[in-house]
Structure formats: C-alpha cells, structure tokens
Amino acid sequence: MKISKGVISKGFVLSGIMNIGGVLIFSRFFTNEVISETDPAVMSNFGLLMIVVWGLIFLSIAQKHEQLNWLVGVFAIEKFVYGFNWINWIWNNDLSAVYNQDQMAGIFYAIYGINDWFFFVFFLYVFIKSFKSI
C-alpha cells in the first residue's frame, strides 16, 4: 500500500488535531479532575498539557515530514509508549468506575489508547517509508 505525500501530511494534521482537540474537549480545558485523578502519573494537567504540545509538534512538521524522518521515528516511539501505557491501564483498572464518576473521563480512557496505536502505525509507516525512498 502506498500513501501519497498529501495524505501523509493530512495524517500529521489529524494527529495534531486529535491530541489537541481530544485533550481540550475531554478534559474540559483542563478542569476535568477525574482524568488527572484516575492516572496522575501520566494524565495530570501537566501531562495533558504535554500531549497538547506533542499535537502542536505534529502540526508543525506536517509539510516537512520528509526532511525529518528521524523525528517521525521519535513520534512512533512516543505513540507506542502511550499505547502501551493505555493497555497496562485498561488491564489494571476498572473503566466502568471512571464512567460512573464522569462520562467524559470514561470516554477519554476508553479511546485514547486506540488513537495512540493508530498513529503509532501511521508514524511507523511514514518512518519506514522514508528509508525506502532514499
């Protein structure tokens, strides 16, 4: 399967929007205490802010990803780490208890890892593709 440069650029934009929009919507602009209390090591307000920063970084290289292939590799690692953390969290916590406290937090914890795994595959594809076109 071959994905065009334009579609890849849109993937970077979508990833940025998902990070920024997802955090701002589900955290209610950093006021949803259930998200930060549920996983304070990763999803504190500071952690959520850093996810927004990652989103800004994804947006910033959308048109220059071909020149920054090693950075794209770092993005794949970042998404893998968050995806792995999500699987660990899902296995060791009660998602329904989060839903009972706050539906938005429950939705956030139900889907954030799916998003991270999807974009891990996307960034890994772009990273590998960059070496095949050299």
N, C-alpha and C. Protein backbone atom coordinates (compact mmCIF):
# COMPACT_ATOMS: atom_id res chain seq x y z
N MET A 1 0.84 -1.18 0.00
CA MET A 1 0.00 0.00 0.00
C MET A 1 0.89 1.24 0.00
N LYS A 2 0.58 2.16 -0.87
CA LYS A 2 1.35 3.40 -0.96
C LYS A 2 0.41 4.57 -0.63
N ILE A 3 0.87 5.41 0.26
CA ILE A 3 0.10 6.58 0.66
C ILE A 3 0.81 7.82 0.12
N SER A 4 0.06 8.73 -0.48
CA SER A 4 0.67 9.92 -1.09
C SER A 4 1.18 10.89 -0.03
N LYS A 5 2.08 11.76 -0.46
CA LYS A 5 2.65 12.78 0.43
C LYS A 5 1.54 13.67 1.02
N GLY A 6 0.56 14.01 0.19
CA GLY A 6 -0.54 14.86 0.67
C GLY A 6 -1.35 14.19 1.75
N VAL A 7 -1.63 12.90 1.57
CA VAL A 7 -2.38 12.16 2.58
C VAL A 7 -1.55 12.03 3.86
N ILE A 8 -0.26 11.80 3.71
CA ILE A 8 0.62 11.73 4.89
C ILE A 8 0.62 13.06 5.64
N SER A 9 0.71 14.16 4.92
CA SER A 9 0.67 15.48 5.57
C SER A 9 -0.63 15.66 6.33
N LYS A 10 -1.73 15.22 5.73
CA LYS A 10 -3.03 15.31 6.41
C LYS A 10 -3.07 14.41 7.65
N GLY A 11 -2.35 13.29 7.60
CA GLY A 11 -2.26 12.42 8.77
C GLY A 11 -1.58 13.11 9.94
N PHE A 12 -0.53 13.87 9.64
CA PHE A 12 0.13 14.64 10.70
C PHE A 12 -0.81 15.69 11.29
N VAL A 13 -1.55 16.35 10.41
CA VAL A 13 -2.52 17.35 10.87
C VAL A 13 -3.59 16.69 11.73
N LEU A 14 -4.11 15.56 11.26
CA LEU A 14 -5.14 14.85 12.03
C LEU A 14 -4.60 14.42 13.39
N SER A 15 -3.38 13.93 13.43
CA SER A 15 -2.79 13.54 14.70
C SER A 15 -2.69 14.72 15.66
N GLY A 16 -2.26 15.86 15.13
CA GLY A 16 -2.18 17.06 15.96
C GLY A 16 -3.53 17.48 16.48
N ILE A 17 -4.53 17.46 15.60
CA ILE A 17 -5.89 17.85 16.00
C ILE A 17 -6.44 16.89 17.04
N MET A 18 -6.17 15.60 16.86
CA MET A 18 -6.65 14.61 17.84
C MET A 18 -6.01 14.84 19.21
N ASN A 19 -4.72 15.11 19.24
CA ASN A 19 -4.06 15.38 20.52
C ASN A 19 -4.63 16.63 21.17
N ILE A 20 -4.64 17.70 20.41
CA ILE A 20 -5.08 18.99 20.97
C ILE A 20 -6.57 18.97 21.30
N GLY A 21 -7.37 18.63 20.31
CA GLY A 21 -8.82 18.63 20.49
C GLY A 21 -9.28 17.61 21.51
N GLY A 22 -8.71 16.41 21.46
CA GLY A 22 -9.10 15.37 22.41
C GLY A 22 -8.86 15.78 23.84
N VAL A 23 -7.68 16.30 24.09
CA VAL A 23 -7.35 16.73 25.46
C VAL A 23 -8.25 17.89 25.89
N LEU A 24 -8.37 18.89 25.04
CA LEU A 24 -9.15 20.07 25.44
C LEU A 24 -10.63 19.75 25.63
N ILE A 25 -11.18 18.90 24.78
CA ILE A 25 -12.61 18.56 24.89
C ILE A 25 -12.85 17.67 26.11
N PHE A 26 -12.15 16.54 26.18
CA PHE A 26 -12.43 15.59 27.25
C PHE A 26 -12.00 16.08 28.63
N SER A 27 -10.96 16.90 28.68
CA SER A 27 -10.54 17.45 29.98
C SER A 27 -11.29 18.74 30.32
N ARG A 28 -12.18 19.14 29.41
CA ARG A 28 -12.92 20.40 29.58
C ARG A 28 -11.94 21.54 29.87
N PHE A 29 -10.98 21.65 28.98
CA PHE A 29 -9.93 22.67 29.09
C PHE A 29 -9.22 22.58 30.45
N PHE A 30 -8.81 21.37 30.79
CA PHE A 30 -8.01 21.07 31.98
C PHE A 30 -8.77 21.22 33.30
N THR A 31 -10.09 21.18 33.26
CA THR A 31 -10.87 21.30 34.50
C THR A 31 -11.49 19.98 34.95
N ASN A 32 -11.36 18.92 34.15
CA ASN A 32 -11.93 17.62 34.50
C ASN A 32 -10.96 16.90 35.44
N GLU A 33 -11.25 16.97 36.71
CA GLU A 33 -10.34 16.41 37.72
C GLU A 33 -10.31 14.88 37.70
N VAL A 34 -11.36 14.25 37.18
CA VAL A 34 -11.41 12.79 37.17
C VAL A 34 -10.31 12.23 36.27
N ILE A 35 -10.04 12.88 35.15
CA ILE A 35 -8.98 12.39 34.26
C ILE A 35 -7.64 12.41 34.98
N SER A 36 -7.32 13.53 35.61
CA SER A 36 -6.00 13.63 36.26
C SER A 36 -5.92 12.78 37.53
N GLU A 37 -7.01 12.60 38.24
CA GLU A 37 -7.00 11.77 39.44
C GLU A 37 -6.93 10.28 39.10
N THR A 38 -7.45 9.90 37.94
CA THR A 38 -7.51 8.50 37.56
C THR A 38 -6.13 7.93 37.22
N ASP A 39 -5.29 8.72 36.59
CA ASP A 39 -3.93 8.29 36.25
C ASP A 39 -2.99 9.48 36.42
N PRO A 40 -2.72 9.86 37.68
CA PRO A 40 -1.94 11.08 37.92
C PRO A 40 -0.51 11.02 37.41
N ALA A 41 0.04 9.84 37.24
CA ALA A 41 1.42 9.74 36.75
C ALA A 41 1.53 10.14 35.29
N VAL A 42 0.49 9.91 34.50
CA VAL A 42 0.54 10.18 33.07
C VAL A 42 -0.41 11.30 32.66
N MET A 43 -1.58 11.35 33.25
CA MET A 43 -2.62 12.27 32.79
C MET A 43 -2.91 13.41 33.76
N SER A 44 -1.90 13.84 34.48
CA SER A 44 -2.06 15.05 35.29
C SER A 44 -2.31 16.22 34.34
N ASN A 45 -2.67 17.35 34.87
CA ASN A 45 -2.86 18.51 33.97
C ASN A 45 -1.57 18.84 33.22
N PHE A 46 -0.43 18.64 33.87
CA PHE A 46 0.84 18.85 33.18
C PHE A 46 1.00 17.83 32.06
N GLY A 47 0.70 16.57 32.34
CA GLY A 47 0.78 15.53 31.32
C GLY A 47 -0.15 15.82 30.16
N LEU A 48 -1.37 16.27 30.46
CA LEU A 48 -2.31 16.63 29.40
C LEU A 48 -1.80 17.80 28.57
N LEU A 49 -1.20 18.78 29.25
CA LEU A 49 -0.61 19.91 28.52
C LEU A 49 0.50 19.44 27.59
N MET A 50 1.31 18.50 28.04
CA MET A 50 2.38 17.97 27.18
C MET A 50 1.82 17.21 25.98
N ILE A 51 0.66 16.57 26.13
CA ILE A 51 0.01 15.92 24.99
C ILE A 51 -0.41 16.99 23.97
N VAL A 52 -0.90 18.11 24.45
CA VAL A 52 -1.25 19.22 23.56
C VAL A 52 0.01 19.72 22.84
N VAL A 53 1.12 19.84 23.58
CA VAL A 53 2.39 20.27 22.97
C VAL A 53 2.80 19.28 21.88
N TRP A 54 2.71 17.98 22.14
CA TRP A 54 3.01 16.99 21.10
C TRP A 54 2.13 17.23 19.88
N GLY A 55 0.86 17.54 20.11
CA GLY A 55 -0.04 17.83 19.00
C GLY A 55 0.44 19.02 18.17
N LEU A 56 0.91 20.05 18.84
CA LEU A 56 1.45 21.21 18.13
C LEU A 56 2.68 20.83 17.32
N ILE A 57 3.50 19.94 17.86
CA ILE A 57 4.69 19.48 17.13
C ILE A 57 4.26 18.71 15.88
N PHE A 58 3.27 17.82 16.02
CA PHE A 58 2.79 17.08 14.86
C PHE A 58 2.32 18.03 13.77
N LEU A 59 1.56 19.04 14.16
CA LEU A 59 1.08 20.04 13.19
C LEU A 59 2.24 20.79 12.54
N SER A 60 3.26 21.09 13.33
CA SER A 60 4.36 21.93 12.83
C SER A 60 5.20 21.27 11.75
N ILE A 61 5.20 19.95 11.70
CA ILE A 61 6.03 19.31 10.67
C ILE A 61 5.21 18.66 9.56
N ALA A 62 3.92 18.90 9.54
CA ALA A 62 3.05 18.24 8.57
C ALA A 62 3.55 18.40 7.14
N GLN A 63 4.08 19.56 6.80
CA GLN A 63 4.55 19.81 5.44
C GLN A 63 6.04 19.51 5.25
N LYS A 64 6.74 19.17 6.34
CA LYS A 64 8.19 18.96 6.26
C LYS A 64 8.60 17.57 6.74
N HIS A 65 7.66 16.67 6.86
CA HIS A 65 7.95 15.36 7.43
C HIS A 65 9.01 14.59 6.66
N GLU A 66 9.12 14.82 5.37
CA GLU A 66 10.11 14.09 4.57
C GLU A 66 11.54 14.44 4.96
N GLN A 67 11.77 15.65 5.42
CA GLN A 67 13.12 16.06 5.83
C GLN A 67 13.41 15.70 7.28
N LEU A 68 12.41 15.21 7.99
CA LEU A 68 12.56 14.97 9.44
C LEU A 68 12.22 13.53 9.80
N ASN A 69 12.75 12.58 9.00
CA ASN A 69 12.36 11.19 9.18
C ASN A 69 12.72 10.63 10.55
N TRP A 70 13.84 11.04 11.13
CA TRP A 70 14.18 10.53 12.46
C TRP A 70 13.23 11.07 13.52
N LEU A 71 12.76 12.29 13.35
CA LEU A 71 11.76 12.84 14.27
C LEU A 71 10.46 12.06 14.16
N VAL A 72 10.11 11.65 12.96
CA VAL A 72 8.92 10.81 12.78
C VAL A 72 9.10 9.49 13.53
N GLY A 73 10.31 8.96 13.53
CA GLY A 73 10.60 7.76 14.32
C GLY A 73 10.38 7.99 15.80
N VAL A 74 10.76 9.16 16.28
CA VAL A 74 10.51 9.53 17.68
C VAL A 74 9.01 9.58 17.94
N PHE A 75 8.25 10.11 16.98
CA PHE A 75 6.79 10.15 17.13
C PHE A 75 6.22 8.73 17.28
N ALA A 76 6.74 7.80 16.49
CA ALA A 76 6.27 6.41 16.59
C ALA A 76 6.56 5.86 17.98
N ILE A 77 7.74 6.14 18.51
CA ILE A 77 8.08 5.68 19.86
C ILE A 77 7.15 6.31 20.88
N GLU A 78 6.90 7.60 20.75
CA GLU A 78 6.01 8.31 21.69
C GLU A 78 4.63 7.68 21.69
N LYS A 79 4.10 7.40 20.51
CA LYS A 79 2.77 6.80 20.41
C LYS A 79 2.77 5.38 20.96
N PHE A 80 3.85 4.63 20.72
CA PHE A 80 3.96 3.28 21.28
C PHE A 80 3.92 3.33 22.80
N VAL A 81 4.66 4.25 23.39
CA VAL A 81 4.72 4.36 24.86
C VAL A 81 3.33 4.66 25.43
N TYR A 82 2.63 5.63 24.83
CA TYR A 82 1.28 5.95 25.31
C TYR A 82 0.33 4.79 25.07
N GLY A 83 0.44 4.12 23.93
CA GLY A 83 -0.42 2.98 23.65
C GLY A 83 -0.18 1.84 24.62
N PHE A 84 1.09 1.56 24.91
CA PHE A 84 1.44 0.52 25.87
C PHE A 84 0.93 0.89 27.25
N ASN A 85 1.09 2.14 27.64
CA ASN A 85 0.59 2.60 28.93
C ASN A 85 -0.91 2.41 29.03
N TRP A 86 -1.61 2.70 27.94
CA TRP A 86 -3.07 2.55 27.92
C TRP A 86 -3.47 1.09 28.12
N ILE A 87 -2.80 0.17 27.41
CA ILE A 87 -3.12 -1.26 27.59
C ILE A 87 -2.88 -1.66 29.04
N ASN A 88 -1.78 -1.25 29.61
CA ASN A 88 -1.48 -1.55 31.00
C ASN A 88 -2.56 -0.98 31.92
N TRP A 89 -3.00 0.25 31.63
CA TRP A 89 -4.03 0.88 32.45
C TRP A 89 -5.34 0.12 32.32
N ILE A 90 -5.74 -0.23 31.10
CA ILE A 90 -7.00 -0.95 30.86
C ILE A 90 -7.00 -2.29 31.60
N TRP A 91 -5.87 -3.00 31.57
CA TRP A 91 -5.79 -4.31 32.22
C TRP A 91 -5.85 -4.21 33.74
N ASN A 92 -5.42 -3.09 34.29
CA ASN A 92 -5.28 -2.99 35.75
C ASN A 92 -6.27 -2.05 36.43
N ASN A 93 -7.23 -1.54 35.69
CA ASN A 93 -8.19 -0.59 36.27
C ASN A 93 -9.60 -0.91 35.81
N ASP A 94 -10.56 -0.31 36.48
CA ASP A 94 -11.96 -0.52 36.19
C ASP A 94 -12.50 0.69 35.42
N LEU A 95 -12.63 0.52 34.12
CA LEU A 95 -13.10 1.61 33.27
C LEU A 95 -14.52 2.05 33.65
N SER A 96 -15.36 1.11 34.03
CA SER A 96 -16.74 1.47 34.39
C SER A 96 -16.77 2.39 35.62
N ALA A 97 -15.83 2.23 36.52
CA ALA A 97 -15.77 3.12 37.68
C ALA A 97 -15.46 4.56 37.25
N VAL A 98 -14.62 4.70 36.22
CA VAL A 98 -14.32 6.04 35.70
C VAL A 98 -15.57 6.62 35.05
N TYR A 99 -16.27 5.82 34.24
CA TYR A 99 -17.53 6.27 33.63
C TYR A 99 -18.53 6.71 34.69
N ASN A 100 -18.59 5.97 35.79
CA ASN A 100 -19.54 6.33 36.85
C ASN A 100 -19.20 7.67 37.50
N GLN A 101 -17.91 8.00 37.54
CA GLN A 101 -17.50 9.29 38.10
C GLN A 101 -17.74 10.43 37.11
N ASP A 102 -17.39 10.19 35.85
CA ASP A 102 -17.51 11.24 34.84
C ASP A 102 -17.51 10.59 33.45
N GLN A 103 -18.58 10.78 32.71
CA GLN A 103 -18.70 10.14 31.41
C GLN A 103 -17.61 10.59 30.43
N MET A 104 -17.27 11.85 30.44
CA MET A 104 -16.23 12.36 29.53
C MET A 104 -14.88 11.70 29.86
N ALA A 105 -14.57 11.56 31.13
CA ALA A 105 -13.32 10.89 31.52
C ALA A 105 -13.36 9.42 31.11
N GLY A 106 -14.52 8.78 31.27
CA GLY A 106 -14.66 7.39 30.85
C GLY A 106 -14.43 7.22 29.36
N ILE A 107 -15.00 8.10 28.57
CA ILE A 107 -14.79 8.05 27.11
C ILE A 107 -13.32 8.28 26.79
N PHE A 108 -12.71 9.25 27.45
CA PHE A 108 -11.29 9.55 27.23
C PHE A 108 -10.44 8.30 27.47
N TYR A 109 -10.64 7.65 28.63
CA TYR A 109 -9.82 6.47 28.93
C TYR A 109 -10.17 5.28 28.04
N ALA A 110 -11.38 5.23 27.52
CA ALA A 110 -11.76 4.13 26.63
C ALA A 110 -11.10 4.25 25.26
N ILE A 111 -10.84 5.49 24.81
CA ILE A 111 -10.41 5.66 23.42
C ILE A 111 -8.99 6.19 23.22
N TYR A 112 -8.39 6.78 24.23
CA TYR A 112 -7.11 7.45 23.94
C TYR A 112 -6.05 6.48 23.44
N GLY A 113 -6.03 5.28 23.95
CA GLY A 113 -5.03 4.32 23.51
C GLY A 113 -5.27 3.82 22.09
N ILE A 114 -6.51 3.70 21.71
CA ILE A 114 -6.83 3.31 20.32
C ILE A 114 -6.26 4.34 19.37
N ASN A 115 -6.44 5.61 19.71
CA ASN A 115 -5.88 6.71 18.92
C ASN A 115 -4.35 6.60 18.86
N ASP A 116 -3.74 6.34 20.00
CA ASP A 116 -2.27 6.25 20.02
C ASP A 116 -1.77 5.06 19.22
N TRP A 117 -2.43 3.91 19.28
CA TRP A 117 -1.99 2.76 18.48
C TRP A 117 -2.16 3.03 16.99
N PHE A 118 -3.27 3.69 16.61
CA PHE A 118 -3.47 4.02 15.20
C PHE A 118 -2.34 4.91 14.69
N PHE A 119 -2.03 5.96 15.45
CA PHE A 119 -0.99 6.88 14.99
C PHE A 119 0.41 6.29 15.17
N PHE A 120 0.60 5.34 16.06
CA PHE A 120 1.87 4.60 16.10
C PHE A 120 2.10 3.90 14.76
N VAL A 121 1.08 3.20 14.29
CA VAL A 121 1.20 2.50 13.00
C VAL A 121 1.44 3.51 11.87
N PHE A 122 0.71 4.62 11.90
CA PHE A 122 0.88 5.65 10.88
C PHE A 122 2.31 6.20 10.88
N PHE A 123 2.80 6.62 12.03
CA PHE A 123 4.15 7.20 12.11
C PHE A 123 5.21 6.16 11.77
N LEU A 124 5.01 4.92 12.19
CA LEU A 124 5.97 3.86 11.86
C LEU A 124 6.00 3.64 10.35
N TYR A 125 4.84 3.65 9.72
CA TYR A 125 4.77 3.51 8.26
C TYR A 125 5.55 4.64 7.58
N VAL A 126 5.29 5.87 8.02
CA VAL A 126 5.96 7.04 7.40
C VAL A 126 7.47 6.95 7.63
N PHE A 127 7.89 6.54 8.82
CA PHE A 127 9.31 6.41 9.13
C PHE A 127 9.96 5.37 8.23
N ILE A 128 9.38 4.20 8.13
CA ILE A 128 9.94 3.15 7.30
C ILE A 128 9.92 3.55 5.84
N LYS A 129 8.84 4.15 5.40
CA LYS A 129 8.71 4.61 4.00
C LYS A 129 9.81 5.61 3.67
N SER A 130 10.20 6.43 4.62
CA SER A 130 11.23 7.45 4.35
C SER A 130 12.57 6.83 3.97
N PHE A 131 12.87 5.64 4.48
CA PHE A 131 14.13 4.99 4.14
C PHE A 131 14.04 4.22 2.83
N LYS A 132 12.86 3.82 2.46
CA LYS A 132 12.70 3.11 1.19
C LYS A 132 12.75 4.05 -0.01
N SER A 133 12.52 5.35 0.25
CA SER A 133 12.53 6.30 -0.86
C SER A 133 13.88 6.99 -1.02
N ILE A 134 14.86 6.63 -0.20
CA ILE A 134 16.20 7.25 -0.29
C ILE A 134 16.97 6.60 -1.40
